[in-house]
N, C-alpha and C. Protein backbone atom coordinates (compact mmCIF):
# COMPACT_ATOMS: atom_id res chain seq x y z
N MET A 1 30.16 -13.46 -19.95
CA MET A 1 29.03 -12.69 -20.45
C MET A 1 28.69 -11.54 -19.49
N ARG A 2 28.66 -11.85 -18.18
CA ARG A 2 28.34 -10.82 -17.20
C ARG A 2 29.39 -9.72 -17.20
N VAL A 3 30.67 -10.08 -17.31
CA VAL A 3 31.74 -9.08 -17.34
C VAL A 3 31.59 -8.19 -18.56
N ALA A 4 31.27 -8.79 -19.70
CA ALA A 4 31.10 -8.01 -20.93
C ALA A 4 29.95 -7.02 -20.79
N PHE A 5 28.87 -7.45 -20.12
CA PHE A 5 27.71 -6.58 -19.93
C PHE A 5 28.08 -5.34 -19.12
N PHE A 6 28.80 -5.56 -18.02
CA PHE A 6 29.17 -4.41 -17.18
C PHE A 6 30.17 -3.50 -17.87
N ARG A 7 30.97 -4.07 -18.80
CA ARG A 7 31.87 -3.21 -19.57
C ARG A 7 31.11 -2.32 -20.53
N LEU A 8 29.93 -2.78 -20.97
CA LEU A 8 29.12 -2.00 -21.90
C LEU A 8 28.28 -0.94 -21.20
N LEU A 9 28.00 -1.10 -19.93
CA LEU A 9 27.13 -0.17 -19.23
C LEU A 9 27.61 1.28 -19.28
N PRO A 10 28.91 1.57 -19.08
CA PRO A 10 29.34 2.96 -19.19
C PRO A 10 29.06 3.55 -20.56
N LEU A 11 29.17 2.74 -21.61
CA LEU A 11 28.89 3.24 -22.95
C LEU A 11 27.40 3.53 -23.11
N LEU A 12 26.55 2.66 -22.56
CA LEU A 12 25.11 2.89 -22.61
C LEU A 12 24.72 4.15 -21.85
N ALA A 13 25.41 4.43 -20.77
CA ALA A 13 25.07 5.58 -19.93
C ALA A 13 25.23 6.88 -20.69
N ILE A 14 26.15 6.90 -21.66
CA ILE A 14 26.38 8.12 -22.43
C ILE A 14 25.14 8.49 -23.23
N PHE A 15 24.37 7.49 -23.67
CA PHE A 15 23.24 7.72 -24.54
C PHE A 15 21.91 7.80 -23.80
N ILE A 16 21.93 7.60 -22.49
CA ILE A 16 20.70 7.68 -21.69
C ILE A 16 20.75 8.92 -20.83
N PRO A 17 19.84 9.89 -21.03
CA PRO A 17 19.91 11.15 -20.30
C PRO A 17 19.62 10.97 -18.82
N GLY A 18 20.43 11.62 -17.96
CA GLY A 18 20.16 11.59 -16.53
C GLY A 18 18.88 12.33 -16.23
N CYS A 19 18.07 11.76 -15.35
CA CYS A 19 16.76 12.37 -15.16
C CYS A 19 16.19 11.99 -13.81
N ALA A 20 15.77 12.99 -13.07
CA ALA A 20 14.97 12.79 -11.88
C ALA A 20 14.03 13.99 -11.86
N SER A 21 12.90 13.85 -12.54
CA SER A 21 12.05 15.01 -12.73
C SER A 21 10.59 14.64 -12.76
N VAL A 22 9.75 15.68 -12.71
CA VAL A 22 8.30 15.53 -12.77
C VAL A 22 7.78 16.50 -13.82
N SER A 23 6.83 16.08 -14.62
CA SER A 23 6.24 16.95 -15.64
C SER A 23 4.72 16.91 -15.54
N VAL A 24 4.09 17.88 -16.21
CA VAL A 24 2.64 18.07 -16.16
C VAL A 24 2.03 17.69 -17.50
N GLN A 25 0.84 17.10 -17.47
CA GLN A 25 0.20 16.69 -18.71
C GLN A 25 -1.32 16.87 -18.62
N ASP A 26 -1.95 16.97 -19.79
CA ASP A 26 -3.41 16.98 -19.93
C ASP A 26 -4.09 18.05 -19.06
N VAL A 27 -3.65 19.30 -19.20
CA VAL A 27 -4.25 20.39 -18.42
C VAL A 27 -5.62 20.74 -19.01
N ASP A 28 -6.64 20.68 -18.17
CA ASP A 28 -8.02 20.97 -18.57
C ASP A 28 -8.51 22.17 -17.77
N ARG A 29 -8.82 23.27 -18.47
CA ARG A 29 -9.28 24.48 -17.81
C ARG A 29 -10.79 24.70 -17.99
N ALA A 30 -11.50 23.71 -18.41
CA ALA A 30 -12.94 23.85 -18.66
C ALA A 30 -13.66 24.35 -17.41
N GLY A 31 -14.43 25.41 -17.56
CA GLY A 31 -15.20 25.95 -16.44
C GLY A 31 -14.44 26.92 -15.56
N ALA A 32 -13.16 27.14 -15.86
CA ALA A 32 -12.34 27.99 -14.99
C ALA A 32 -12.70 29.46 -15.09
N GLN A 33 -13.25 29.88 -16.21
CA GLN A 33 -13.49 31.30 -16.43
C GLN A 33 -14.48 31.91 -15.45
N SER A 34 -15.32 31.08 -14.85
CA SER A 34 -16.37 31.60 -13.96
C SER A 34 -15.88 31.86 -12.54
N THR A 35 -14.63 31.59 -12.26
CA THR A 35 -14.11 31.75 -10.91
C THR A 35 -13.26 33.02 -10.80
N GLY A 36 -13.16 33.52 -9.56
CA GLY A 36 -12.32 34.68 -9.30
C GLY A 36 -11.07 34.30 -8.54
N ARG A 37 -10.28 35.30 -8.20
CA ARG A 37 -9.03 35.09 -7.48
C ARG A 37 -9.29 34.49 -6.10
N PRO A 38 -8.59 33.43 -5.74
CA PRO A 38 -8.81 32.83 -4.41
C PRO A 38 -8.17 33.65 -3.30
N GLY A 39 -8.80 33.63 -2.14
CA GLY A 39 -8.21 34.30 -0.99
C GLY A 39 -7.40 33.34 -0.14
N ARG A 40 -7.55 32.03 -0.39
CA ARG A 40 -6.84 31.02 0.37
C ARG A 40 -6.89 29.69 -0.39
N PHE A 41 -5.85 28.88 -0.19
CA PHE A 41 -5.84 27.51 -0.70
C PHE A 41 -6.07 26.55 0.46
N TYR A 42 -6.87 25.53 0.20
CA TYR A 42 -6.98 24.41 1.12
C TYR A 42 -6.47 23.17 0.39
N VAL A 43 -5.65 22.38 1.07
CA VAL A 43 -5.08 21.17 0.48
C VAL A 43 -5.65 19.95 1.20
N ALA A 44 -6.34 19.10 0.46
CA ALA A 44 -6.87 17.87 1.02
C ALA A 44 -5.93 16.71 0.71
N PRO A 45 -5.83 15.72 1.60
CA PRO A 45 -4.95 14.57 1.32
C PRO A 45 -5.36 13.89 0.01
N PHE A 46 -4.38 13.56 -0.81
CA PHE A 46 -4.66 12.88 -2.06
C PHE A 46 -5.02 11.42 -1.77
N ALA A 47 -6.04 10.94 -2.44
CA ALA A 47 -6.39 9.53 -2.32
C ALA A 47 -5.30 8.68 -2.96
N VAL A 48 -5.20 7.44 -2.54
CA VAL A 48 -4.20 6.52 -3.09
C VAL A 48 -4.87 5.17 -3.34
N ASP A 49 -4.77 4.69 -4.56
CA ASP A 49 -5.28 3.36 -4.89
C ASP A 49 -4.25 2.33 -4.43
N SER A 50 -4.63 1.49 -3.49
CA SER A 50 -3.69 0.51 -2.93
C SER A 50 -3.09 -0.38 -4.01
N ALA A 51 -3.86 -0.67 -5.05
CA ALA A 51 -3.37 -1.54 -6.12
C ALA A 51 -2.26 -0.89 -6.93
N SER A 52 -2.14 0.44 -6.82
CA SER A 52 -1.13 1.15 -7.60
C SER A 52 0.16 1.38 -6.81
N VAL A 53 0.23 0.88 -5.58
CA VAL A 53 1.39 1.10 -4.71
C VAL A 53 2.33 -0.10 -4.77
N LYS A 54 3.60 0.18 -5.02
CA LYS A 54 4.61 -0.88 -5.05
C LYS A 54 5.74 -0.50 -4.09
N GLU A 55 5.77 -1.19 -2.96
CA GLU A 55 6.79 -0.92 -1.95
C GLU A 55 8.06 -1.73 -2.21
N ASN A 56 9.15 -1.24 -1.70
CA ASN A 56 10.38 -2.01 -1.68
C ASN A 56 10.21 -3.12 -0.64
N PRO A 57 10.38 -4.39 -1.02
CA PRO A 57 10.18 -5.50 -0.06
C PRO A 57 11.06 -5.38 1.18
N ALA A 58 12.15 -4.64 1.06
CA ALA A 58 13.08 -4.53 2.19
C ALA A 58 12.83 -3.30 3.06
N ARG A 59 11.73 -2.58 2.81
CA ARG A 59 11.50 -1.35 3.59
C ARG A 59 11.31 -1.67 5.07
N LYS A 60 11.71 -0.73 5.91
CA LYS A 60 11.73 -0.93 7.35
C LYS A 60 10.33 -1.06 7.93
N HIS A 61 9.38 -0.27 7.40
CA HIS A 61 8.01 -0.29 7.92
C HIS A 61 7.05 -0.67 6.79
N PRO A 62 6.85 -1.97 6.57
CA PRO A 62 5.96 -2.42 5.48
C PRO A 62 4.55 -1.85 5.63
N GLY A 63 3.97 -1.48 4.50
CA GLY A 63 2.61 -0.96 4.51
C GLY A 63 2.51 0.52 4.78
N GLY A 64 3.64 1.19 4.98
CA GLY A 64 3.60 2.61 5.34
C GLY A 64 3.80 3.58 4.19
N LEU A 65 4.12 3.07 2.99
CA LEU A 65 4.44 3.96 1.88
C LEU A 65 3.26 4.84 1.49
N ARG A 66 2.08 4.27 1.49
CA ARG A 66 0.89 5.02 1.08
C ARG A 66 0.69 6.27 1.94
N SER A 67 0.66 6.10 3.25
CA SER A 67 0.42 7.26 4.13
C SER A 67 1.60 8.22 4.11
N GLU A 68 2.81 7.69 3.97
CA GLU A 68 3.98 8.56 3.91
C GLU A 68 3.91 9.47 2.69
N ALA A 69 3.53 8.89 1.55
CA ALA A 69 3.43 9.69 0.32
C ALA A 69 2.34 10.74 0.43
N GLN A 70 1.21 10.40 1.04
CA GLN A 70 0.14 11.37 1.24
C GLN A 70 0.61 12.54 2.08
N GLN A 71 1.27 12.25 3.19
CA GLN A 71 1.73 13.30 4.09
C GLN A 71 2.80 14.17 3.44
N LEU A 72 3.72 13.53 2.73
CA LEU A 72 4.78 14.28 2.07
C LEU A 72 4.21 15.24 1.04
N LEU A 73 3.32 14.73 0.19
CA LEU A 73 2.76 15.56 -0.87
C LEU A 73 1.96 16.72 -0.29
N SER A 74 1.14 16.46 0.71
CA SER A 74 0.34 17.53 1.33
C SER A 74 1.22 18.60 1.94
N GLY A 75 2.25 18.17 2.67
CA GLY A 75 3.15 19.13 3.30
C GLY A 75 3.89 19.99 2.31
N TYR A 76 4.46 19.36 1.29
CA TYR A 76 5.18 20.12 0.26
C TYR A 76 4.25 21.04 -0.51
N LEU A 77 3.03 20.56 -0.78
CA LEU A 77 2.10 21.35 -1.57
C LEU A 77 1.65 22.60 -0.81
N ILE A 78 1.40 22.47 0.48
CA ILE A 78 1.05 23.64 1.29
C ILE A 78 2.18 24.66 1.25
N SER A 79 3.42 24.18 1.36
CA SER A 79 4.57 25.07 1.32
C SER A 79 4.72 25.76 -0.02
N GLU A 80 4.58 25.00 -1.12
CA GLU A 80 4.76 25.57 -2.45
C GLU A 80 3.65 26.56 -2.80
N LEU A 81 2.41 26.24 -2.48
CA LEU A 81 1.31 27.14 -2.78
C LEU A 81 1.43 28.45 -2.00
N SER A 82 1.93 28.37 -0.77
CA SER A 82 2.12 29.58 0.04
C SER A 82 3.10 30.54 -0.61
N LYS A 83 4.04 30.01 -1.39
CA LYS A 83 5.02 30.85 -2.07
C LYS A 83 4.41 31.70 -3.18
N LEU A 84 3.19 31.36 -3.58
CA LEU A 84 2.50 32.16 -4.60
C LEU A 84 1.95 33.45 -4.00
N GLY A 85 2.07 33.61 -2.69
CA GLY A 85 1.61 34.83 -2.04
C GLY A 85 0.19 34.75 -1.51
N ILE A 86 -0.39 33.56 -1.50
CA ILE A 86 -1.75 33.34 -1.00
C ILE A 86 -1.66 32.27 0.09
N PRO A 87 -2.28 32.47 1.24
CA PRO A 87 -2.18 31.48 2.33
C PRO A 87 -2.66 30.10 1.90
N ALA A 88 -1.97 29.08 2.36
CA ALA A 88 -2.35 27.69 2.08
C ALA A 88 -2.29 26.89 3.38
N THR A 89 -3.33 26.12 3.62
CA THR A 89 -3.40 25.30 4.82
C THR A 89 -4.04 23.96 4.47
N ALA A 90 -3.95 23.02 5.41
CA ALA A 90 -4.63 21.73 5.23
C ALA A 90 -6.13 21.94 5.30
N ALA A 91 -6.86 21.24 4.45
CA ALA A 91 -8.32 21.36 4.45
C ALA A 91 -8.89 20.79 5.74
N PRO A 92 -9.76 21.52 6.42
CA PRO A 92 -10.38 21.00 7.64
C PRO A 92 -11.31 19.84 7.32
N SER A 93 -11.17 18.75 8.02
CA SER A 93 -11.96 17.55 7.76
C SER A 93 -13.45 17.80 7.94
N GLY A 94 -14.22 17.55 6.88
CA GLY A 94 -15.66 17.67 6.98
C GLY A 94 -16.20 19.08 6.94
N ALA A 95 -15.33 20.09 6.93
CA ALA A 95 -15.79 21.48 6.95
C ALA A 95 -16.08 21.97 5.54
N ARG A 96 -16.98 22.92 5.42
CA ARG A 96 -17.34 23.51 4.15
C ARG A 96 -16.24 24.48 3.72
N ILE A 97 -15.86 24.41 2.45
CA ILE A 97 -14.83 25.30 1.93
C ILE A 97 -15.44 26.68 1.67
N PRO A 98 -14.84 27.77 2.20
CA PRO A 98 -15.38 29.11 1.98
C PRO A 98 -15.48 29.45 0.49
N ALA A 99 -16.37 30.35 0.16
CA ALA A 99 -16.62 30.71 -1.23
C ALA A 99 -15.40 31.30 -1.91
N ASP A 100 -14.55 31.98 -1.14
CA ASP A 100 -13.39 32.65 -1.76
C ASP A 100 -12.13 31.79 -1.72
N ALA A 101 -12.26 30.50 -1.40
CA ALA A 101 -11.09 29.61 -1.30
C ALA A 101 -11.09 28.60 -2.43
N TRP A 102 -9.90 28.08 -2.73
CA TRP A 102 -9.75 27.00 -3.70
C TRP A 102 -9.29 25.74 -2.97
N LEU A 103 -9.91 24.63 -3.31
CA LEU A 103 -9.54 23.33 -2.74
C LEU A 103 -8.68 22.58 -3.75
N VAL A 104 -7.49 22.15 -3.32
CA VAL A 104 -6.58 21.39 -4.18
C VAL A 104 -6.57 19.95 -3.67
N THR A 105 -6.97 19.04 -4.52
CA THR A 105 -7.05 17.64 -4.12
C THR A 105 -6.77 16.76 -5.32
N GLY A 106 -6.90 15.47 -5.17
CA GLY A 106 -6.63 14.58 -6.29
C GLY A 106 -6.35 13.17 -5.83
N LYS A 107 -5.57 12.46 -6.65
CA LYS A 107 -5.30 11.06 -6.40
C LYS A 107 -3.89 10.71 -6.86
N ILE A 108 -3.18 9.96 -6.04
CA ILE A 108 -1.89 9.40 -6.46
C ILE A 108 -2.20 8.13 -7.22
N THR A 109 -1.97 8.15 -8.52
CA THR A 109 -2.40 7.04 -9.37
C THR A 109 -1.33 5.97 -9.54
N ARG A 110 -0.09 6.30 -9.26
CA ARG A 110 0.99 5.31 -9.33
C ARG A 110 2.08 5.70 -8.35
N LEU A 111 2.51 4.75 -7.55
CA LEU A 111 3.52 5.01 -6.52
C LEU A 111 4.43 3.80 -6.39
N ALA A 112 5.66 3.95 -6.82
CA ALA A 112 6.64 2.87 -6.73
C ALA A 112 7.86 3.38 -5.99
N GLU A 113 8.24 2.67 -4.94
CA GLU A 113 9.33 3.10 -4.07
C GLU A 113 10.71 2.84 -4.66
N GLY A 114 10.82 1.81 -5.50
CA GLY A 114 12.12 1.49 -6.07
C GLY A 114 13.10 0.98 -5.03
N SER A 115 14.37 0.99 -5.41
CA SER A 115 15.43 0.51 -4.53
C SER A 115 16.57 1.52 -4.49
N ARG A 116 16.80 2.09 -3.31
CA ARG A 116 17.88 3.06 -3.16
C ARG A 116 19.24 2.42 -3.47
N LEU A 117 19.40 1.16 -3.08
CA LEU A 117 20.67 0.47 -3.31
C LEU A 117 20.95 0.34 -4.80
N LEU A 118 19.94 -0.06 -5.59
CA LEU A 118 20.13 -0.20 -7.03
C LEU A 118 20.36 1.16 -7.70
N ARG A 119 19.68 2.20 -7.22
CA ARG A 119 19.90 3.53 -7.79
C ARG A 119 21.34 3.98 -7.55
N MET A 120 21.85 3.68 -6.36
CA MET A 120 23.22 4.07 -6.04
C MET A 120 24.24 3.29 -6.87
N ALA A 121 24.01 2.00 -7.02
CA ALA A 121 25.02 1.15 -7.64
C ALA A 121 24.94 1.13 -9.16
N VAL A 122 23.73 0.97 -9.70
CA VAL A 122 23.58 0.77 -11.14
C VAL A 122 22.95 1.95 -11.84
N GLY A 123 21.80 2.43 -11.34
CA GLY A 123 21.09 3.51 -12.01
C GLY A 123 20.56 3.05 -13.34
N LEU A 124 20.51 3.98 -14.31
CA LEU A 124 20.02 3.67 -15.66
C LEU A 124 18.62 3.06 -15.62
N GLY A 125 17.83 3.48 -14.63
CA GLY A 125 16.47 2.97 -14.48
C GLY A 125 16.33 1.90 -13.43
N SER A 126 17.42 1.22 -13.08
CA SER A 126 17.36 0.17 -12.06
C SER A 126 17.04 0.79 -10.70
N GLY A 127 16.03 0.25 -10.04
CA GLY A 127 15.66 0.75 -8.72
C GLY A 127 14.93 2.07 -8.73
N GLY A 128 14.50 2.54 -9.92
CA GLY A 128 13.87 3.85 -10.03
C GLY A 128 12.51 3.94 -9.36
N THR A 129 12.12 5.14 -9.00
CA THR A 129 10.82 5.40 -8.38
C THR A 129 9.84 5.90 -9.44
N LYS A 130 8.55 5.83 -9.12
CA LYS A 130 7.51 6.44 -9.94
C LYS A 130 6.51 7.11 -9.02
N PHE A 131 6.11 8.33 -9.43
CA PHE A 131 5.15 9.09 -8.62
C PHE A 131 4.25 9.84 -9.61
N GLU A 132 3.00 9.39 -9.75
CA GLU A 132 2.08 9.99 -10.71
C GLU A 132 0.79 10.39 -10.01
N THR A 133 0.21 11.50 -10.43
CA THR A 133 -1.02 11.99 -9.80
C THR A 133 -2.02 12.51 -10.83
N GLN A 134 -3.27 12.57 -10.40
CA GLN A 134 -4.31 13.33 -11.08
C GLN A 134 -4.76 14.41 -10.10
N VAL A 135 -4.75 15.65 -10.55
CA VAL A 135 -5.00 16.79 -9.67
C VAL A 135 -6.29 17.50 -10.07
N GLU A 136 -7.04 17.93 -9.07
CA GLU A 136 -8.25 18.71 -9.34
C GLU A 136 -8.28 19.91 -8.40
N VAL A 137 -8.54 21.07 -8.97
CA VAL A 137 -8.63 22.31 -8.20
C VAL A 137 -10.06 22.83 -8.32
N ARG A 138 -10.72 23.05 -7.17
CA ARG A 138 -12.11 23.52 -7.17
C ARG A 138 -12.24 24.81 -6.37
N SER A 139 -13.12 25.67 -6.84
CA SER A 139 -13.44 26.89 -6.12
C SER A 139 -14.55 26.61 -5.12
N GLY A 140 -14.50 27.28 -3.97
CA GLY A 140 -15.55 27.10 -2.97
C GLY A 140 -16.90 27.59 -3.45
N THR A 141 -16.91 28.46 -4.46
CA THR A 141 -18.14 28.97 -5.02
C THR A 141 -18.84 27.86 -5.80
N LYS A 142 -19.89 27.29 -5.22
CA LYS A 142 -20.65 26.20 -5.84
C LYS A 142 -19.77 25.02 -6.23
N SER A 143 -18.62 24.90 -5.58
CA SER A 143 -17.68 23.81 -5.85
C SER A 143 -17.35 23.70 -7.35
N ALA A 144 -17.17 24.85 -7.99
CA ALA A 144 -16.87 24.88 -9.42
C ALA A 144 -15.44 24.42 -9.68
N ARG A 145 -15.27 23.56 -10.69
CA ARG A 145 -13.92 23.10 -11.02
C ARG A 145 -13.15 24.20 -11.73
N VAL A 146 -11.91 24.42 -11.29
CA VAL A 146 -11.04 25.41 -11.89
C VAL A 146 -10.07 24.76 -12.86
N LEU A 147 -9.37 23.74 -12.39
CA LEU A 147 -8.36 23.07 -13.19
C LEU A 147 -8.38 21.56 -12.93
N ARG A 148 -7.97 20.82 -13.94
CA ARG A 148 -7.73 19.39 -13.78
C ARG A 148 -6.53 19.04 -14.65
N PHE A 149 -5.58 18.29 -14.10
CA PHE A 149 -4.38 17.92 -14.86
C PHE A 149 -3.69 16.75 -14.18
N GLY A 150 -2.70 16.20 -14.85
CA GLY A 150 -1.94 15.10 -14.29
C GLY A 150 -0.47 15.46 -14.15
N THR A 151 0.22 14.73 -13.31
CA THR A 151 1.67 14.85 -13.20
C THR A 151 2.28 13.45 -13.31
N THR A 152 3.46 13.39 -13.87
CA THR A 152 4.15 12.10 -13.98
C THR A 152 5.64 12.33 -13.79
N GLY A 153 6.29 11.38 -13.15
CA GLY A 153 7.73 11.54 -12.94
C GLY A 153 8.29 10.47 -12.03
N GLY A 154 9.55 10.65 -11.70
CA GLY A 154 10.25 9.70 -10.84
C GLY A 154 11.74 9.79 -11.06
N SER A 155 12.46 8.80 -10.60
CA SER A 155 13.90 8.72 -10.76
C SER A 155 14.27 7.23 -10.73
N ASN A 156 15.27 6.75 -11.41
CA ASN A 156 16.41 7.52 -11.80
C ASN A 156 16.99 6.89 -13.06
N ALA A 157 17.13 7.69 -14.12
CA ALA A 157 17.75 7.21 -15.34
C ALA A 157 19.24 7.52 -15.38
N MET A 158 19.75 8.17 -14.34
CA MET A 158 21.18 8.48 -14.29
C MET A 158 22.00 7.21 -14.09
N PRO A 159 23.25 7.20 -14.58
CA PRO A 159 24.12 6.07 -14.27
C PRO A 159 24.42 6.02 -12.78
N GLY A 160 24.65 4.83 -12.27
CA GLY A 160 24.99 4.68 -10.86
C GLY A 160 26.49 4.69 -10.63
N GLY A 161 26.87 4.29 -9.43
CA GLY A 161 28.28 4.35 -9.07
C GLY A 161 29.17 3.49 -9.94
N ILE A 162 28.66 2.33 -10.41
CA ILE A 162 29.51 1.44 -11.20
C ILE A 162 29.27 1.59 -12.70
N THR A 163 28.32 2.45 -13.09
CA THR A 163 28.04 2.61 -14.52
C THR A 163 28.34 4.01 -15.02
N ASN A 164 28.80 4.91 -14.13
CA ASN A 164 29.12 6.26 -14.56
C ASN A 164 30.35 6.24 -15.47
N PRO A 165 30.24 6.80 -16.70
CA PRO A 165 31.36 6.75 -17.62
C PRO A 165 32.49 7.71 -17.29
N VAL A 166 32.25 8.63 -16.33
CA VAL A 166 33.29 9.61 -15.99
C VAL A 166 34.24 9.00 -14.97
N PRO A 167 35.54 8.98 -15.24
CA PRO A 167 36.49 8.36 -14.32
C PRO A 167 36.44 9.00 -12.94
N PHE A 168 36.61 8.18 -11.92
CA PHE A 168 36.72 8.60 -10.52
C PHE A 168 35.44 9.24 -9.96
N SER A 169 34.31 9.09 -10.67
CA SER A 169 33.09 9.75 -10.20
C SER A 169 32.10 8.75 -9.60
N GLY A 170 32.48 7.50 -9.46
CA GLY A 170 31.56 6.47 -8.99
C GLY A 170 30.99 6.76 -7.62
N VAL A 171 31.83 7.09 -6.64
CA VAL A 171 31.35 7.33 -5.29
C VAL A 171 30.47 8.57 -5.21
N PRO A 172 30.87 9.73 -5.79
CA PRO A 172 29.97 10.89 -5.77
C PRO A 172 28.63 10.62 -6.44
N THR A 173 28.65 9.85 -7.54
CA THR A 173 27.40 9.53 -8.22
C THR A 173 26.51 8.69 -7.33
N ALA A 174 27.06 7.70 -6.67
CA ALA A 174 26.27 6.85 -5.78
C ALA A 174 25.64 7.67 -4.66
N LEU A 175 26.41 8.58 -4.08
CA LEU A 175 25.89 9.41 -3.01
C LEU A 175 24.79 10.33 -3.51
N LEU A 176 24.94 10.88 -4.72
CA LEU A 176 23.92 11.73 -5.30
C LEU A 176 22.64 10.95 -5.54
N ASN A 177 22.74 9.76 -6.10
CA ASN A 177 21.57 8.95 -6.39
C ASN A 177 20.86 8.50 -5.12
N SER A 178 21.61 8.37 -4.02
CA SER A 178 20.99 7.92 -2.78
C SER A 178 19.98 8.93 -2.25
N LYS A 179 20.09 10.19 -2.68
CA LYS A 179 19.18 11.23 -2.21
C LYS A 179 17.85 11.21 -2.97
N ASP A 180 17.85 10.60 -4.16
CA ASP A 180 16.62 10.53 -4.95
C ASP A 180 15.69 9.48 -4.37
N GLY A 181 14.40 9.76 -4.38
CA GLY A 181 13.44 8.79 -3.88
C GLY A 181 12.07 9.41 -3.83
N VAL A 182 11.13 8.75 -3.14
CA VAL A 182 9.76 9.22 -3.08
C VAL A 182 9.66 10.60 -2.44
N THR A 183 10.50 10.88 -1.45
CA THR A 183 10.48 12.20 -0.82
C THR A 183 10.77 13.29 -1.83
N ASP A 184 11.79 13.08 -2.65
CA ASP A 184 12.15 14.06 -3.68
C ASP A 184 11.07 14.14 -4.75
N ASP A 185 10.48 12.99 -5.10
CA ASP A 185 9.41 12.98 -6.09
C ASP A 185 8.22 13.79 -5.60
N ALA A 186 7.87 13.65 -4.33
CA ALA A 186 6.75 14.40 -3.76
C ALA A 186 7.02 15.90 -3.80
N ALA A 187 8.25 16.28 -3.49
CA ALA A 187 8.62 17.70 -3.51
C ALA A 187 8.53 18.27 -4.93
N ARG A 188 9.04 17.52 -5.90
CA ARG A 188 8.99 17.99 -7.29
C ARG A 188 7.55 18.01 -7.81
N THR A 189 6.75 17.02 -7.42
CA THR A 189 5.35 16.99 -7.83
C THR A 189 4.60 18.20 -7.29
N ALA A 190 4.81 18.51 -6.02
CA ALA A 190 4.17 19.68 -5.41
C ALA A 190 4.56 20.96 -6.14
N ARG A 191 5.83 21.05 -6.54
CA ARG A 191 6.29 22.25 -7.26
C ARG A 191 5.61 22.39 -8.61
N MET A 192 5.41 21.26 -9.31
CA MET A 192 4.75 21.31 -10.61
C MET A 192 3.26 21.63 -10.46
N ILE A 193 2.63 21.10 -9.42
CA ILE A 193 1.22 21.43 -9.17
C ILE A 193 1.07 22.91 -8.89
N SER A 194 1.91 23.42 -8.00
CA SER A 194 1.88 24.84 -7.66
C SER A 194 2.18 25.70 -8.90
N GLY A 195 3.13 25.24 -9.72
CA GLY A 195 3.48 26.00 -10.92
C GLY A 195 2.33 26.07 -11.91
N THR A 196 1.58 24.98 -12.06
CA THR A 196 0.46 24.95 -12.98
C THR A 196 -0.66 25.88 -12.51
N ILE A 197 -0.94 25.82 -11.21
CA ILE A 197 -1.95 26.72 -10.64
C ILE A 197 -1.48 28.17 -10.73
N GLY A 198 -0.20 28.39 -10.40
CA GLY A 198 0.34 29.74 -10.44
C GLY A 198 0.36 30.33 -11.84
N THR A 199 0.65 29.50 -12.85
CA THR A 199 0.64 29.97 -14.23
C THR A 199 -0.74 30.48 -14.63
N TYR A 200 -1.76 29.72 -14.27
CA TYR A 200 -3.14 30.14 -14.55
C TYR A 200 -3.45 31.48 -13.89
N MET A 201 -3.02 31.64 -12.65
CA MET A 201 -3.31 32.88 -11.92
C MET A 201 -2.51 34.07 -12.48
N ALA A 202 -1.25 33.81 -12.84
CA ALA A 202 -0.42 34.89 -13.38
C ALA A 202 -0.96 35.38 -14.72
N GLU A 203 -1.50 34.47 -15.53
CA GLU A 203 -2.07 34.85 -16.82
C GLU A 203 -3.26 35.80 -16.66
N ARG A 204 -3.90 35.75 -15.51
CA ARG A 204 -5.04 36.62 -15.23
C ARG A 204 -4.65 37.85 -14.43
N GLY A 205 -3.36 37.99 -14.16
CA GLY A 205 -2.89 39.17 -13.45
C GLY A 205 -3.13 39.15 -11.97
N TRP A 206 -3.45 37.98 -11.43
CA TRP A 206 -3.74 37.88 -10.01
C TRP A 206 -2.49 37.82 -9.14
N ILE A 207 -1.40 37.30 -9.69
CA ILE A 207 -0.12 37.25 -9.00
C ILE A 207 0.99 37.57 -10.00
N GLY A 208 2.17 37.92 -9.50
CA GLY A 208 3.30 38.18 -10.37
C GLY A 208 3.89 36.90 -10.93
N ALA A 209 4.29 36.93 -12.19
CA ALA A 209 4.86 35.74 -12.82
C ALA A 209 6.16 35.31 -12.16
N ASP A 210 6.84 36.24 -11.47
CA ASP A 210 8.10 35.91 -10.83
C ASP A 210 7.91 34.97 -9.63
N ARG A 211 6.69 34.81 -9.17
CA ARG A 211 6.42 33.91 -8.05
C ARG A 211 6.20 32.46 -8.50
N VAL A 212 6.03 32.25 -9.79
CA VAL A 212 5.56 30.97 -10.30
C VAL A 212 6.73 30.05 -10.70
N PRO A 213 6.79 28.84 -10.16
CA PRO A 213 7.83 27.89 -10.59
C PRO A 213 7.65 27.52 -12.06
N GLN A 214 8.76 27.30 -12.74
CA GLN A 214 8.69 26.89 -14.14
C GLN A 214 8.10 25.49 -14.24
N VAL A 215 7.17 25.31 -15.14
CA VAL A 215 6.48 24.04 -15.30
C VAL A 215 7.05 23.27 -16.49
N LYS A 216 7.37 22.01 -16.27
CA LYS A 216 7.84 21.15 -17.35
C LYS A 216 6.65 20.36 -17.89
N GLN A 217 6.39 20.52 -19.19
CA GLN A 217 5.29 19.82 -19.83
C GLN A 217 5.73 18.45 -20.32
N ALA A 218 4.88 17.44 -20.09
CA ALA A 218 5.20 16.09 -20.56
C ALA A 218 5.11 16.06 -22.08
N ARG A 219 6.00 15.30 -22.71
CA ARG A 219 6.02 15.20 -24.16
C ARG A 219 5.10 14.08 -24.63
């Protein structure tokens, strides 16, 4: 029975799309019209609900996934927002946000580390990660909300080294899948957050559309 199952996996892989991506959903622009162009972005660490965190039991430093995800997302987000042509820095702890600045913050609502070994070997969802957030952007002017939206994504629906239907591609596939993980999810999430903010700004003529990453909308 087990042999028959593994013989069927390559056939199943043909019908399951490879995917390691993040998309945006539920964009709410209520109240955004009263704000002007920001002169700077401040990024605050995203809160994390401990109950929503699922670590790999074999991880080297148990209990560290939460803080690692916070740091990764903040770092990538500062980098991505800076590419829009407006300075972005970490929000100063306890300091008042200037009137001409926007504060980007939110919450990581689901965080699953998955298993790198299973992604490499099997894929097709086995060992996959999940990285989901709720994002809020506020203007320093009376702390007015500019945007609110969610992101969802993770990896990996791709076939792994032993399930790839393409002959002789098992080892390259395993190596490719080994690179997917929470670090990559954080980078893609930051790009989608920046893209959503950038799209709003480009529509108002505040920045060039060529600076804005393409945003994938959740279906």
